[in-house]
């Protein structure tokens, strides 16, 4: 038996043990519904019948986008920095939601137009002062894209004692960037992926769709290899925050952390991460289905069933903050809930 066969056999044995353990808990079989599925995933990712995931943290990545010059969003780019300042002040939506569950929030400057003063909850990883206008040229150089991916991986390496990581983002214009990356990686009709984002632009959604179609025509991505295509899609269309999240997710999967994916932007980053390193998918818990129209299509493409559906579309990691307690409940059910002696009825 070779190494791969041994690993497959070990995982199959673990899965069988986990299913038996979940079935034997003091409850009717299947009565905890999807929490039981989540417990199975937690056990498989952690590789044990008695998981101890340690701490939970939400990383919020911020970056600006040159494509906003084309009028694809209702808000100016300066809003990115204003929301980032609120995150550091503890007053943004993500802070309020995370505080409800006792989760720490850290802001990562991946490439805003202007830097922020040093802060205990700020990680400075600026690649540049925003991406370039992707309607005129690639959003990033190859080196910038590589730097963003590697910076994300390096940030994950600093998460000592953290077993649950949620990913959020801030970036005016990033629903446009995400729609373009998603189309390049899935082939889903661009019209289905384009939504209002932070708000419909003054020139309307039709203008946004036409602009993004123009960007696609300029780039003409041809790579067939999934890894190369993901890198090229991120380089041509992505934001520094999207690429950095993708890099962080691949490292989190390698470290066997539970990856809690937030909304539309974070799910597109997960798409890229899975294309780069397919094993990332097994660690992903999809927090919610947002009201951004393309999100449902991407979740269906991934075969993902989100935990929540609350018609949210704020981003920042707010959906992840609400879902992390469910991950924790699944962990504790598997580890601490009493067993019921004897056989359960079928």
C-alpha atoms as a PDB file:
ATOM      1  CA  UNK A   1       0.000   0.000   0.000  1.00  0.00           C
ATOM      2  CA  UNK A   2       1.522   3.349  -1.031  1.00  0.00           C
ATOM      3  CA  UNK A   3       1.447   6.575   0.984  1.00  0.00           C
ATOM      4  CA  UNK A   4      -1.644   7.937  -0.803  1.00  0.00           C
ATOM      5  CA  UNK A   5      -3.563   4.701  -0.242  1.00  0.00           C
ATOM      6  CA  UNK A   6      -2.584   4.676   3.430  1.00  0.00           C
ATOM      7  CA  UNK A   7      -3.721   8.273   3.837  1.00  0.00           C
ATOM      8  CA  UNK A   8      -7.045   7.527   2.113  1.00  0.00           C
ATOM      9  CA  UNK A   9      -7.588   4.468   4.301  1.00  0.00           C
ATOM     10  CA  UNK A  10      -6.785   6.451   7.458  1.00  0.00           C
ATOM     11  CA  UNK A  11      -9.226   9.206   6.495  1.00  0.00           C
ATOM     12  CA  UNK A  12     -11.952   6.670   5.715  1.00  0.00           C
ATOM     13  CA  UNK A  13     -11.406   5.045   9.105  1.00  0.00           C
ATOM     14  CA  UNK A  14     -11.546   8.413  10.855  1.00  0.00           C
ATOM     15  CA  UNK A  15     -14.745   9.342   9.046  1.00  0.00           C
ATOM     16  CA  UNK A  16     -16.382   6.078  10.105  1.00  0.00           C
ATOM     17  CA  UNK A  17     -15.340   6.652  13.731  1.00  0.00           C
ATOM     18  CA  UNK A  18     -16.618  10.230  13.660  1.00  0.00           C
ATOM     19  CA  UNK A  19     -19.972   9.184  12.215  1.00  0.00           C
ATOM     20  CA  UNK A  20     -20.332   6.533  14.886  1.00  0.00           C
ATOM     21  CA  UNK A  21     -19.406   9.024  17.606  1.00  0.00           C
ATOM     22  CA  UNK A  22     -21.940  11.587  16.359  1.00  0.00           C
ATOM     23  CA  UNK A  23     -24.623   8.907  16.050  1.00  0.00           C
ATOM     24  CA  UNK A  24     -23.956   7.772  19.626  1.00  0.00           C
ATOM     25  CA  UNK A  25     -24.482  11.152  21.265  1.00  0.00           C
ATOM     26  CA  UNK A  26     -27.335  11.655  23.722  1.00  0.00           C
ATOM     27  CA  UNK A  27     -29.914  12.710  21.142  1.00  0.00           C
ATOM     28  CA  UNK A  28     -32.115  11.128  18.505  1.00  0.00           C
ATOM     29  CA  UNK A  29     -30.051  10.213  15.463  1.00  0.00           C
ATOM     30  CA  UNK A  30     -29.819  13.195  13.099  1.00  0.00           C
ATOM     31  CA  UNK A  31     -31.704  15.497  15.448  1.00  0.00           C
ATOM     32  CA  UNK A  32     -29.034  18.212  15.323  1.00  0.00           C
ATOM     33  CA  UNK A  33     -29.318  18.399  11.558  1.00  0.00           C
ATOM     34  CA  UNK A  34     -26.570  20.320   9.832  1.00  0.00           C
ATOM     35  CA  UNK A  35     -24.656  20.824  13.070  1.00  0.00           C
ATOM     36  CA  UNK A  36     -23.905  17.099  12.826  1.00  0.00           C
ATOM     37  CA  UNK A  37     -22.523  17.598   9.297  1.00  0.00           C
ATOM     38  CA  UNK A  38     -20.468  20.505  10.588  1.00  0.00           C
ATOM     39  CA  UNK A  39     -19.146  18.376  13.467  1.00  0.00           C
ATOM     40  CA  UNK A  40     -18.059  15.729  10.973  1.00  0.00           C
ATOM     41  CA  UNK A  41     -16.195  18.366   8.961  1.00  0.00           C
ATOM     42  CA  UNK A  42     -14.544  19.774  12.110  1.00  0.00           C
ATOM     43  CA  UNK A  43     -13.415  16.302  13.096  1.00  0.00           C
ATOM     44  CA  UNK A  44     -12.056  15.504   9.641  1.00  0.00           C
ATOM     45  CA  UNK A  45     -10.165  18.798   9.372  1.00  0.00           C
ATOM     46  CA  UNK A  46      -8.690  18.498  12.868  1.00  0.00           C
ATOM     47  CA  UNK A  47      -8.029  14.783  12.451  1.00  0.00           C
ATOM     48  CA  UNK A  48      -9.460  13.746  15.821  1.00  0.00           C
ATOM     49  CA  UNK A  49     -12.606  12.537  17.575  1.00  0.00           C
ATOM     50  CA  UNK A  50     -12.110  15.170  20.285  1.00  0.00           C
ATOM     51  CA  UNK A  51     -11.237  18.431  18.506  1.00  0.00           C
ATOM     52  CA  UNK A  52      -9.865  21.443  20.339  1.00  0.00           C
ATOM     53  CA  UNK A  53      -9.828  24.270  17.815  1.00  0.00           C
ATOM     54  CA  UNK A  54      -8.396  26.891  20.147  1.00  0.00           C
ATOM     55  CA  UNK A  55      -9.069  30.529  19.419  1.00  0.00           C
ATOM     56  CA  UNK A  56     -11.124  32.212  16.700  1.00  0.00           C
ATOM     57  CA  UNK A  57     -10.174  35.334  14.798  1.00  0.00           C
ATOM     58  CA  UNK A  58     -11.558  37.410  11.938  1.00  0.00           C
ATOM     59  CA  UNK A  59      -9.127  38.985   9.498  1.00  0.00           C
ATOM     60  CA  UNK A  60     -10.503  41.940   7.524  1.00  0.00           C
ATOM     61  CA  UNK A  61      -8.437  42.752   4.421  1.00  0.00           C
ATOM     62  CA  UNK A  62      -8.704  46.242   2.934  1.00  0.00           C
ATOM     63  CA  UNK A  63      -7.698  47.409  -0.536  1.00  0.00           C
ATOM     64  CA  UNK A  64      -8.630  49.996  -3.149  1.00  0.00           C
ATOM     65  CA  UNK A  65      -9.410  49.482  -6.824  1.00  0.00           C
ATOM     66  CA  UNK A  66      -8.428  51.550  -9.845  1.00  0.00           C
ATOM     67  CA  UNK A  67     -11.533  50.371 -11.681  1.00  0.00           C
ATOM     68  CA  UNK A  68     -13.644  52.770  -9.598  1.00  0.00           C
ATOM     69  CA  UNK A  69     -12.500  55.476 -12.036  1.00  0.00           C
ATOM     70  CA  UNK A  70     -14.958  53.931 -14.523  1.00  0.00           C
ATOM     71  CA  UNK A  71     -18.008  54.773 -12.379  1.00  0.00           C
ATOM     72  CA  UNK A  72     -18.860  51.193 -11.407  1.00  0.00           C
ATOM     73  CA  UNK A  73     -19.762  51.986  -7.797  1.00  0.00           C
ATOM     74  CA  UNK A  74     -21.927  54.427  -5.883  1.00  0.00           C
ATOM     75  CA  UNK A  75     -19.233  55.353  -3.356  1.00  0.00           C
ATOM     76  CA  UNK A  76     -15.797  56.955  -3.857  1.00  0.00           C
ATOM     77  CA  UNK A  77     -12.642  55.066  -2.925  1.00  0.00           C
ATOM     78  CA  UNK A  78     -12.027  57.271   0.126  1.00  0.00           C
ATOM     79  CA  UNK A  79     -14.806  55.336   1.873  1.00  0.00           C
ATOM     80  CA  UNK A  80     -12.544  52.264   2.074  1.00  0.00           C
ATOM     81  CA  UNK A  81     -10.181  54.103   4.416  1.00  0.00           C
ATOM     82  CA  UNK A  82     -13.045  55.561   6.455  1.00  0.00           C
ATOM     83  CA  UNK A  83     -14.526  52.116   7.122  1.00  0.00           C
ATOM     84  CA  UNK A  84     -11.050  50.775   7.904  1.00  0.00           C
ATOM     85  CA  UNK A  85     -10.655  53.501  10.526  1.00  0.00           C
ATOM     86  CA  UNK A  86     -13.960  52.426  12.069  1.00  0.00           C
ATOM     87  CA  UNK A  87     -12.735  48.829  12.260  1.00  0.00           C
ATOM     88  CA  UNK A  88      -9.678  49.970  14.187  1.00  0.00           C
ATOM     89  CA  UNK A  89     -11.890  52.120  16.432  1.00  0.00           C
ATOM     90  CA  UNK A  90     -14.076  49.103  17.158  1.00  0.00           C
ATOM     91  CA  UNK A  91     -17.253  50.701  15.788  1.00  0.00           C
ATOM     92  CA  UNK A  92     -17.699  49.098  12.341  1.00  0.00           C
ATOM     93  CA  UNK A  93     -20.339  46.460  11.644  1.00  0.00           C
ATOM     94  CA  UNK A  94     -17.810  43.655  11.916  1.00  0.00           C
ATOM     95  CA  UNK A  95     -16.675  44.815  15.356  1.00  0.00           C
ATOM     96  CA  UNK A  96     -20.247  44.851  16.674  1.00  0.00           C
ATOM     97  CA  UNK A  97     -21.033  41.395  15.278  1.00  0.00           C
ATOM     98  CA  UNK A  98     -17.730  39.883  16.405  1.00  0.00           C
ATOM     99  CA  UNK A  99     -18.107  41.367  19.873  1.00  0.00           C
ATOM    100  CA  UNK A 100     -21.425  39.537  20.243  1.00  0.00           C
ATOM    101  CA  UNK A 101     -19.454  36.268  20.114  1.00  0.00           C
ATOM    102  CA  UNK A 102     -16.213  37.361  21.745  1.00  0.00           C
ATOM    103  CA  UNK A 103     -14.175  37.108  18.532  1.00  0.00           C
ATOM    104  CA  UNK A 104     -11.048  39.187  17.911  1.00  0.00           C
ATOM    105  CA  UNK A 105     -10.891  41.318  14.754  1.00  0.00           C
ATOM    106  CA  UNK A 106      -7.685  42.331  12.973  1.00  0.00           C
ATOM    107  CA  UNK A 107      -7.471  44.719   9.995  1.00  0.00           C
ATOM    108  CA  UNK A 108      -4.981  44.042   7.209  1.00  0.00           C
ATOM    109  CA  UNK A 109      -4.025  46.914   4.899  1.00  0.00           C
ATOM    110  CA  UNK A 110      -3.443  45.002   1.680  1.00  0.00           C
ATOM    111  CA  UNK A 111      -3.266  48.121  -0.469  1.00  0.00           C
ATOM    112  CA  UNK A 112      -5.463  51.086   0.342  1.00  0.00           C
ATOM    113  CA  UNK A 113      -4.849  54.407  -1.374  1.00  0.00           C
ATOM    114  CA  UNK A 114      -3.441  55.894   1.816  1.00  0.00           C
ATOM    115  CA  UNK A 115      -1.876  54.143   4.820  1.00  0.00           C
ATOM    116  CA  UNK A 116      -3.258  54.288   8.328  1.00  0.00           C
ATOM    117  CA  UNK A 117      -1.359  55.144  11.510  1.00  0.00           C
ATOM    118  CA  UNK A 118       0.094  52.202  13.422  1.00  0.00           C
ATOM    119  CA  UNK A 119      -2.439  50.386  15.598  1.00  0.00           C
ATOM    120  CA  UNK A 120      -2.427  47.242  17.748  1.00  0.00           C
ATOM    121  CA  UNK A 121      -5.123  45.684  15.550  1.00  0.00           C
ATOM    122  CA  UNK A 122      -3.579  46.703  12.214  1.00  0.00           C
ATOM    123  CA  UNK A 123      -1.322  44.494  10.109  1.00  0.00           C
ATOM    124  CA  UNK A 124       0.475  46.590   7.490  1.00  0.00           C
ATOM    125  CA  UNK A 125       1.020  44.573   4.274  1.00  0.00           C
ATOM    126  CA  UNK A 126       0.522  47.246   1.612  1.00  0.00           C
ATOM    127  CA  UNK A 127       1.431  46.080  -1.876  1.00  0.00           C
ATOM    128  CA  UNK A 128       0.689  49.445  -3.542  1.00  0.00           C
ATOM    129  CA  UNK A 129      -1.691  52.384  -3.261  1.00  0.00           C
ATOM    130  CA  UNK A 130      -4.588  50.479  -4.799  1.00  0.00           C
ATOM    131  CA  UNK A 131      -4.714  48.415  -7.976  1.00  0.00           C
ATOM    132  CA  UNK A 132      -4.614  49.883 -11.476  1.00  0.00           C
ATOM    133  CA  UNK A 133      -7.682  50.491 -13.619  1.00  0.00           C
ATOM    134  CA  UNK A 134      -8.301  47.033 -15.081  1.00  0.00           C
ATOM    135  CA  UNK A 135     -10.269  48.499 -17.979  1.00  0.00           C
ATOM    136  CA  UNK A 136      -7.008  49.955 -19.261  1.00  0.00           C
ATOM    137  CA  UNK A 137      -4.351  47.482 -18.029  1.00  0.00           C
ATOM    138  CA  UNK A 138      -3.926  44.546 -15.631  1.00  0.00           C
ATOM    139  CA  UNK A 139      -4.907  45.405 -12.070  1.00  0.00           C
ATOM    140  CA  UNK A 140      -1.538  44.116 -10.820  1.00  0.00           C
ATOM    141  CA  UNK A 141       1.863  43.230 -12.139  1.00  0.00           C
ATOM    142  CA  UNK A 142       2.847  39.550 -11.855  1.00  0.00           C
ATOM    143  CA  UNK A 143       5.182  40.476  -8.993  1.00  0.00           C
ATOM    144  CA  UNK A 144       2.453  42.373  -7.132  1.00  0.00           C
ATOM    145  CA  UNK A 145       0.084  39.417  -7.433  1.00  0.00           C
ATOM    146  CA  UNK A 146       2.752  37.044  -6.093  1.00  0.00           C
ATOM    147  CA  UNK A 147       3.520  39.446  -3.248  1.00  0.00           C
ATOM    148  CA  UNK A 148      -0.157  39.592  -2.263  1.00  0.00           C
ATOM    149  CA  UNK A 149      -0.532  35.816  -2.243  1.00  0.00           C
ATOM    150  CA  UNK A 150       2.650  35.352  -0.231  1.00  0.00           C
ATOM    151  CA  UNK A 151       1.704  38.097   2.223  1.00  0.00           C
ATOM    152  CA  UNK A 152      -1.559  36.282   2.922  1.00  0.00           C
ATOM    153  CA  UNK A 153       0.296  33.036   3.597  1.00  0.00           C
ATOM    154  CA  UNK A 154       2.718  34.810   5.912  1.00  0.00           C
ATOM    155  CA  UNK A 155      -0.132  36.382   7.895  1.00  0.00           C
ATOM    156  CA  UNK A 156      -1.643  32.942   8.502  1.00  0.00           C
ATOM    157  CA  UNK A 157       1.670  31.733   9.913  1.00  0.00           C
ATOM    158  CA  UNK A 158       1.283  34.295  12.699  1.00  0.00           C
ATOM    159  CA  UNK A 159      -2.036  32.836  13.911  1.00  0.00           C
ATOM    160  CA  UNK A 160      -0.663  30.780  16.766  1.00  0.00           C
ATOM    161  CA  UNK A 161      -3.334  28.977  18.787  1.00  0.00           C
ATOM    162  CA  UNK A 162      -6.109  29.949  16.347  1.00  0.00           C
ATOM    163  CA  UNK A 163      -8.116  27.100  14.834  1.00  0.00           C
ATOM    164  CA  UNK A 164     -11.045  29.053  13.382  1.00  0.00           C
ATOM    165  CA  UNK A 165     -10.405  31.933  10.962  1.00  0.00           C
ATOM    166  CA  UNK A 166     -13.038  34.124   9.362  1.00  0.00           C
ATOM    167  CA  UNK A 167     -12.190  36.302   6.368  1.00  0.00           C
ATOM    168  CA  UNK A 168     -13.742  39.674   5.631  1.00  0.00           C
ATOM    169  CA  UNK A 169     -12.914  42.523   3.286  1.00  0.00           C
ATOM    170  CA  UNK A 170     -13.293  46.237   2.717  1.00  0.00           C
ATOM    171  CA  UNK A 171     -12.746  47.791  -0.706  1.00  0.00           C
ATOM    172  CA  UNK A 172     -14.914  50.125  -2.742  1.00  0.00           C
ATOM    173  CA  UNK A 173     -15.176  48.544  -6.186  1.00  0.00           C
ATOM    174  CA  UNK A 174     -14.358  45.025  -5.082  1.00  0.00           C
ATOM    175  CA  UNK A 175     -17.669  43.473  -6.156  1.00  0.00           C
ATOM    176  CA  UNK A 176     -16.661  44.412  -9.720  1.00  0.00           C
ATOM    177  CA  UNK A 177     -13.233  42.839  -9.278  1.00  0.00           C
ATOM    178  CA  UNK A 178     -14.770  39.747  -7.686  1.00  0.00           C
ATOM    179  CA  UNK A 179     -17.365  39.326 -10.454  1.00  0.00           C
ATOM    180  CA  UNK A 180     -14.611  39.390 -13.069  1.00  0.00           C
ATOM    181  CA  UNK A 181     -12.440  36.875 -11.206  1.00  0.00           C
ATOM    182  CA  UNK A 182     -15.447  34.611 -10.628  1.00  0.00           C
ATOM    183  CA  UNK A 183     -16.402  34.668 -14.299  1.00  0.00           C
ATOM    184  CA  UNK A 184     -12.845  33.826 -15.339  1.00  0.00           C
ATOM    185  CA  UNK A 185     -12.714  30.860 -12.945  1.00  0.00           C
ATOM    186  CA  UNK A 186     -16.219  29.448 -13.385  1.00  0.00           C
ATOM    187  CA  UNK A 187     -17.578  30.595 -16.737  1.00  0.00           C
ATOM    188  CA  UNK A 188     -20.769  31.780 -15.021  1.00  0.00           C
ATOM    189  CA  UNK A 189     -22.480  34.462 -17.102  1.00  0.00           C
ATOM    190  CA  UNK A 190     -21.086  37.851 -16.099  1.00  0.00           C
ATOM    191  CA  UNK A 191     -24.585  39.362 -16.106  1.00  0.00           C
ATOM    192  CA  UNK A 192     -25.557  36.926 -13.337  1.00  0.00           C
ATOM    193  CA  UNK A 193     -22.499  37.808 -11.273  1.00  0.00           C
ATOM    194  CA  UNK A 194     -22.842  41.590 -11.408  1.00  0.00           C
ATOM    195  CA  UNK A 195     -24.878  43.144  -8.607  1.00  0.00           C
ATOM    196  CA  UNK A 196     -25.173  46.491  -6.836  1.00  0.00           C
ATOM    197  CA  UNK A 197     -22.298  45.915  -4.405  1.00  0.00           C
ATOM    198  CA  UNK A 198     -22.148  48.805  -1.942  1.00  0.00           C
ATOM    199  CA  UNK A 199     -24.824  50.503  -4.037  1.00  0.00           C
ATOM    200  CA  UNK A 200     -25.858  50.806  -7.658  1.00  0.00           C
ATOM    201  CA  UNK A 201     -23.627  53.314  -9.459  1.00  0.00           C
ATOM    202  CA  UNK A 202     -25.052  56.627 -10.588  1.00  0.00           C
ATOM    203  CA  UNK A 203     -24.951  55.452 -14.205  1.00  0.00           C
ATOM    204  CA  UNK A 204     -26.823  52.250 -13.286  1.00  0.00           C
ATOM    205  CA  UNK A 205     -26.129  48.523 -13.263  1.00  0.00           C
ATOM    206  CA  UNK A 206     -26.224  48.370 -17.052  1.00  0.00           C
ATOM    207  CA  UNK A 207     -23.198  50.692 -17.143  1.00  0.00           C
ATOM    208  CA  UNK A 208     -21.430  48.488 -14.613  1.00  0.00           C
ATOM    209  CA  UNK A 209     -22.102  45.352 -16.680  1.00  0.00           C
ATOM    210  CA  UNK A 210     -20.930  47.013 -19.920  1.00  0.00           C
ATOM    211  CA  UNK A 211     -17.762  48.251 -18.225  1.00  0.00           C
ATOM    212  CA  UNK A 212     -16.924  44.817 -16.852  1.00  0.00           C
ATOM    213  CA  UNK A 213     -17.551  43.260 -20.252  1.00  0.00           C
ATOM    214  CA  UNK A 214     -15.062  45.770 -21.658  1.00  0.00           C
ATOM    215  CA  UNK A 215     -12.514  44.702 -19.044  1.00  0.00           C
ATOM    216  CA  UNK A 216     -12.980  41.052 -20.016  1.00  0.00           C
ATOM    217  CA  UNK A 217     -12.461  41.887 -23.682  1.00  0.00           C
ATOM    218  CA  UNK A 218      -9.189  43.641 -22.867  1.00  0.00           C
ATOM    219  CA  UNK A 219      -7.758  40.826 -20.766  1.00  0.00           C
ATOM    220  CA  UNK A 220      -8.703  37.724 -22.816  1.00  0.00           C
ATOM    221  CA  UNK A 221      -7.414  35.107 -20.332  1.00  0.00           C
ATOM    222  CA  UNK A 222      -6.350  31.925 -22.143  1.00  0.00           C
ATOM    223  CA  UNK A 223      -4.683  29.764 -19.478  1.00  0.00           C
ATOM    224  CA  UNK A 224      -6.191  26.265 -19.109  1.00  0.00           C
ATOM    225  CA  UNK A 225      -4.267  25.090 -16.048  1.00  0.00           C
ATOM    226  CA  UNK A 226      -6.449  25.955 -13.001  1.00  0.00           C
ATOM    227  CA  UNK A 227      -3.533  27.333 -10.978  1.00  0.00           C
ATOM    228  CA  UNK A 228      -2.218  29.499 -13.769  1.00  0.00           C
ATOM    229  CA  UNK A 229      -5.722  30.681 -14.633  1.00  0.00           C
ATOM    230  CA  UNK A 230      -6.393  31.660 -11.014  1.00  0.00           C
ATOM    231  CA  UNK A 231      -3.171  33.658 -10.821  1.00  0.00           C
ATOM    232  CA  UNK A 232      -3.904  35.380 -14.123  1.00  0.00           C
ATOM    233  CA  UNK A 233      -7.495  36.182 -13.122  1.00  0.00           C
ATOM    234  CA  UNK A 234      -6.294  37.706  -9.853  1.00  0.00           C
ATOM    235  CA  UNK A 235      -3.584  39.668 -11.679  1.00  0.00           C
ATOM    236  CA  UNK A 236      -5.853  40.986 -14.417  1.00  0.00           C
ATOM    237  CA  UNK A 237      -8.964  41.754 -12.357  1.00  0.00           C
ATOM    238  CA  UNK A 238      -8.473  41.192  -8.647  1.00  0.00           C
ATOM    239  CA  UNK A 239      -7.817  43.404  -5.686  1.00  0.00           C
ATOM    240  CA  UNK A 240      -4.873  43.143  -3.358  1.00  0.00           C
ATOM    241  CA  UNK A 241      -7.317  42.205  -0.596  1.00  0.00           C
ATOM    242  CA  UNK A 242      -8.846  39.399  -2.691  1.00  0.00           C
ATOM    243  CA  UNK A 243      -5.466  37.917  -3.619  1.00  0.00           C
ATOM    244  CA  UNK A 244      -4.218  38.221  -0.049  1.00  0.00           C
ATOM    245  CA  UNK A 245      -7.289  36.427   1.306  1.00  0.00           C
ATOM    246  CA  UNK A 246      -6.768  33.654  -1.243  1.00  0.00           C
ATOM    247  CA  UNK A 247      -3.169  33.226  -0.126  1.00  0.00           C
ATOM    248  CA  UNK A 248      -4.180  33.238   3.539  1.00  0.00           C
ATOM    249  CA  UNK A 249      -6.822  30.588   2.902  1.00  0.00           C
ATOM    250  CA  UNK A 250      -4.358  28.224   1.239  1.00  0.00           C
ATOM    251  CA  UNK A 251      -2.030  28.532   4.225  1.00  0.00           C
ATOM    252  CA  UNK A 252      -4.906  28.062   6.681  1.00  0.00           C
ATOM    253  CA  UNK A 253      -5.879  24.845   4.931  1.00  0.00           C
ATOM    254  CA  UNK A 254      -2.298  23.591   5.099  1.00  0.00           C
ATOM    255  CA  UNK A 255      -2.347  24.330   8.840  1.00  0.00           C
ATOM    256  CA  UNK A 256      -5.693  22.459   9.194  1.00  0.00           C
ATOM    257  CA  UNK A 257      -7.661  25.464  10.396  1.00  0.00           C
ATOM    258  CA  UNK A 258     -11.404  25.847   9.882  1.00  0.00           C
ATOM    259  CA  UNK A 259     -11.843  28.516   7.201  1.00  0.00           C
ATOM    260  CA  UNK A 260     -15.075  30.477   7.657  1.00  0.00           C
ATOM    261  CA  UNK A 261     -15.871  32.089   4.317  1.00  0.00           C
ATOM    262  CA  UNK A 262     -17.975  35.257   4.495  1.00  0.00           C
ATOM    263  CA  UNK A 263     -19.939  36.622   1.532  1.00  0.00           C
ATOM    264  CA  UNK A 264     -19.520  37.252  -2.180  1.00  0.00           C
ATOM    265  CA  UNK A 265     -15.984  38.682  -2.157  1.00  0.00           C
ATOM    266  CA  UNK A 266     -14.599  36.146   0.306  1.00  0.00           C
ATOM    267  CA  UNK A 267     -16.225  33.307  -1.638  1.00  0.00           C
ATOM    268  CA  UNK A 268     -14.515  34.490  -4.814  1.00  0.00           C
ATOM    269  CA  UNK A 269     -11.219  34.535  -2.902  1.00  0.00           C
ATOM    270  CA  UNK A 270     -12.019  30.955  -1.840  1.00  0.00           C
ATOM    271  CA  UNK A 271     -12.640  30.064  -5.505  1.00  0.00           C
ATOM    272  CA  UNK A 272      -9.130  31.279  -6.314  1.00  0.00           C
ATOM    273  CA  UNK A 273      -7.625  29.540  -3.280  1.00  0.00           C
ATOM    274  CA  UNK A 274      -9.277  26.232  -4.253  1.00  0.00           C
ATOM    275  CA  UNK A 275      -8.009  26.584  -7.832  1.00  0.00           C
ATOM    276  CA  UNK A 276      -4.491  27.191  -6.499  1.00  0.00           C
ATOM    277  CA  UNK A 277      -4.660  24.421  -3.865  1.00  0.00           C
ATOM    278  CA  UNK A 278      -7.724  22.135  -4.223  1.00  0.00           C
ATOM    279  CA  UNK A 279      -7.327  20.732  -0.689  1.00  0.00           C
ATOM    280  CA  UNK A 280      -8.424  24.148   0.624  1.00  0.00           C
ATOM    281  CA  UNK A 281     -12.042  23.179  -0.112  1.00  0.00           C
ATOM    282  CA  UNK A 282     -12.237  20.577   2.671  1.00  0.00           C
ATOM    283  CA  UNK A 283     -11.492  23.235   5.311  1.00  0.00           C
ATOM    284  CA  UNK A 284     -14.058  25.778   4.072  1.00  0.00           C
ATOM    285  CA  UNK A 285     -17.260  26.478   5.981  1.00  0.00           C
ATOM    286  CA  UNK A 286     -19.481  28.859   4.015  1.00  0.00           C
ATOM    287  CA  UNK A 287     -21.079  31.253   6.477  1.00  0.00           C
ATOM    288  CA  UNK A 288     -24.078  32.583   4.593  1.00  0.00           C
ATOM    289  CA  UNK A 289     -25.666  33.287   1.230  1.00  0.00           C
ATOM    290  CA  UNK A 290     -25.602  37.029   0.749  1.00  0.00           C
ATOM    291  CA  UNK A 291     -28.110  39.178  -1.101  1.00  0.00           C
ATOM    292  CA  UNK A 292     -25.483  39.941  -3.760  1.00  0.00           C
ATOM    293  CA  UNK A 293     -26.997  38.089  -6.758  1.00  0.00           C
ATOM    294  CA  UNK A 294     -23.852  36.317  -7.933  1.00  0.00           C
ATOM    295  CA  UNK A 295     -23.118  34.753  -4.556  1.00  0.00           C
ATOM    296  CA  UNK A 296     -25.734  32.011  -4.834  1.00  0.00           C
ATOM    297  CA  UNK A 297     -24.430  31.044  -8.268  1.00  0.00           C
ATOM    298  CA  UNK A 298     -20.863  30.686  -6.992  1.00  0.00           C
ATOM    299  CA  UNK A 299     -21.973  28.676  -3.956  1.00  0.00           C
ATOM    300  CA  UNK A 300     -23.867  26.321  -6.263  1.00  0.00           C
ATOM    301  CA  UNK A 301     -20.809  26.018  -8.497  1.00  0.00           C
ATOM    302  CA  UNK A 302     -18.754  24.974  -5.459  1.00  0.00           C
ATOM    303  CA  UNK A 303     -21.444  22.601  -4.204  1.00  0.00           C
ATOM    304  CA  UNK A 304     -21.489  24.610  -0.971  1.00  0.00           C
ATOM    305  CA  UNK A 305     -24.444  24.829   1.385  1.00  0.00           C
ATOM    306  CA  UNK A 306     -24.116  27.976   3.513  1.00  0.00           C
ATOM    307  CA  UNK A 307     -25.100  27.898   7.165  1.00  0.00           C
ATOM    308  CA  UNK A 308     -27.198  31.074   7.141  1.00  0.00           C
ATOM    309  CA  UNK A 309     -29.379  33.065   4.755  1.00  0.00           C
ATOM    310  CA  UNK A 310     -30.109  36.488   6.228  1.00  0.00           C
ATOM    311  CA  UNK A 311     -30.177  38.687   3.084  1.00  0.00           C
ATOM    312  CA  UNK A 312     -26.990  40.425   4.238  1.00  0.00           C
ATOM    313  CA  UNK A 313     -24.511  42.049   1.842  1.00  0.00           C
ATOM    314  CA  UNK A 314     -22.310  44.247   4.016  1.00  0.00           C
ATOM    315  CA  UNK A 315     -19.116  42.212   3.777  1.00  0.00           C
ATOM    316  CA  UNK A 316     -16.397  42.983   6.348  1.00  0.00           C
ATOM    317  CA  UNK A 317     -16.723  39.408   7.650  1.00  0.00           C
ATOM    318  CA  UNK A 318     -20.078  40.054   9.337  1.00  0.00           C
ATOM    319  CA  UNK A 319     -21.584  36.777   8.100  1.00  0.00           C
ATOM    320  CA  UNK A 320     -18.504  34.886   9.271  1.00  0.00           C
ATOM    321  CA  UNK A 321     -18.876  36.439  12.730  1.00  0.00           C
ATOM    322  CA  UNK A 322     -22.411  35.077  12.956  1.00  0.00           C
ATOM    323  CA  UNK A 323     -21.408  31.608  11.729  1.00  0.00           C
ATOM    324  CA  UNK A 324     -18.361  31.046  13.948  1.00  0.00           C
ATOM    325  CA  UNK A 325     -20.509  30.240  17.031  1.00  0.00           C
ATOM    326  CA  UNK A 326     -22.111  27.429  14.992  1.00  0.00           C
ATOM    327  CA  UNK A 327     -18.651  26.027  14.244  1.00  0.00           C
ATOM    328  CA  UNK A 328     -17.845  26.244  17.946  1.00  0.00           C
ATOM    329  CA  UNK A 329     -21.110  24.488  18.847  1.00  0.00           C
ATOM    330  CA  UNK A 330     -20.274  21.640  16.448  1.00  0.00           C
ATOM    331  CA  UNK A 331     -16.794  21.340  17.968  1.00  0.00           C
ATOM    332  CA  UNK A 332     -18.144  21.190  21.519  1.00  0.00           C
ATOM    333  CA  UNK A 333     -20.925  18.772  20.611  1.00  0.00           C
ATOM    334  CA  UNK A 334     -18.375  16.379  19.170  1.00  0.00           C
ATOM    335  CA  UNK A 335     -15.956  16.734  22.064  1.00  0.00           C
ATOM    336  CA  UNK A 336     -18.073  17.314  25.182  1.00  0.00           C
ATOM    337  CA  UNK A 337     -21.636  16.135  24.637  1.00  0.00           C
ATOM    338  CA  UNK A 338     -22.535  12.950  26.525  1.00  0.00           C
ATOM    339  CA  UNK A 339     -23.006   9.640  24.760  1.00  0.00           C
ATOM    340  CA  UNK A 340     -26.219   7.611  25.076  1.00  0.00           C
ATOM    341  CA  UNK A 341     -25.447   4.044  26.195  1.00  0.00           C
ATOM    342  CA  UNK A 342     -26.709   1.183  24.083  1.00  0.00           C
ATOM    343  CA  UNK A 343     -27.970   1.067  20.525  1.00  0.00           C
ATOM    344  CA  UNK A 344     -29.922   3.938  19.015  1.00  0.00           C
ATOM    345  CA  UNK A 345     -33.111   3.122  17.112  1.00  0.00           C
ATOM    346  CA  UNK A 346     -32.584   3.130  13.351  1.00  0.00           C
END
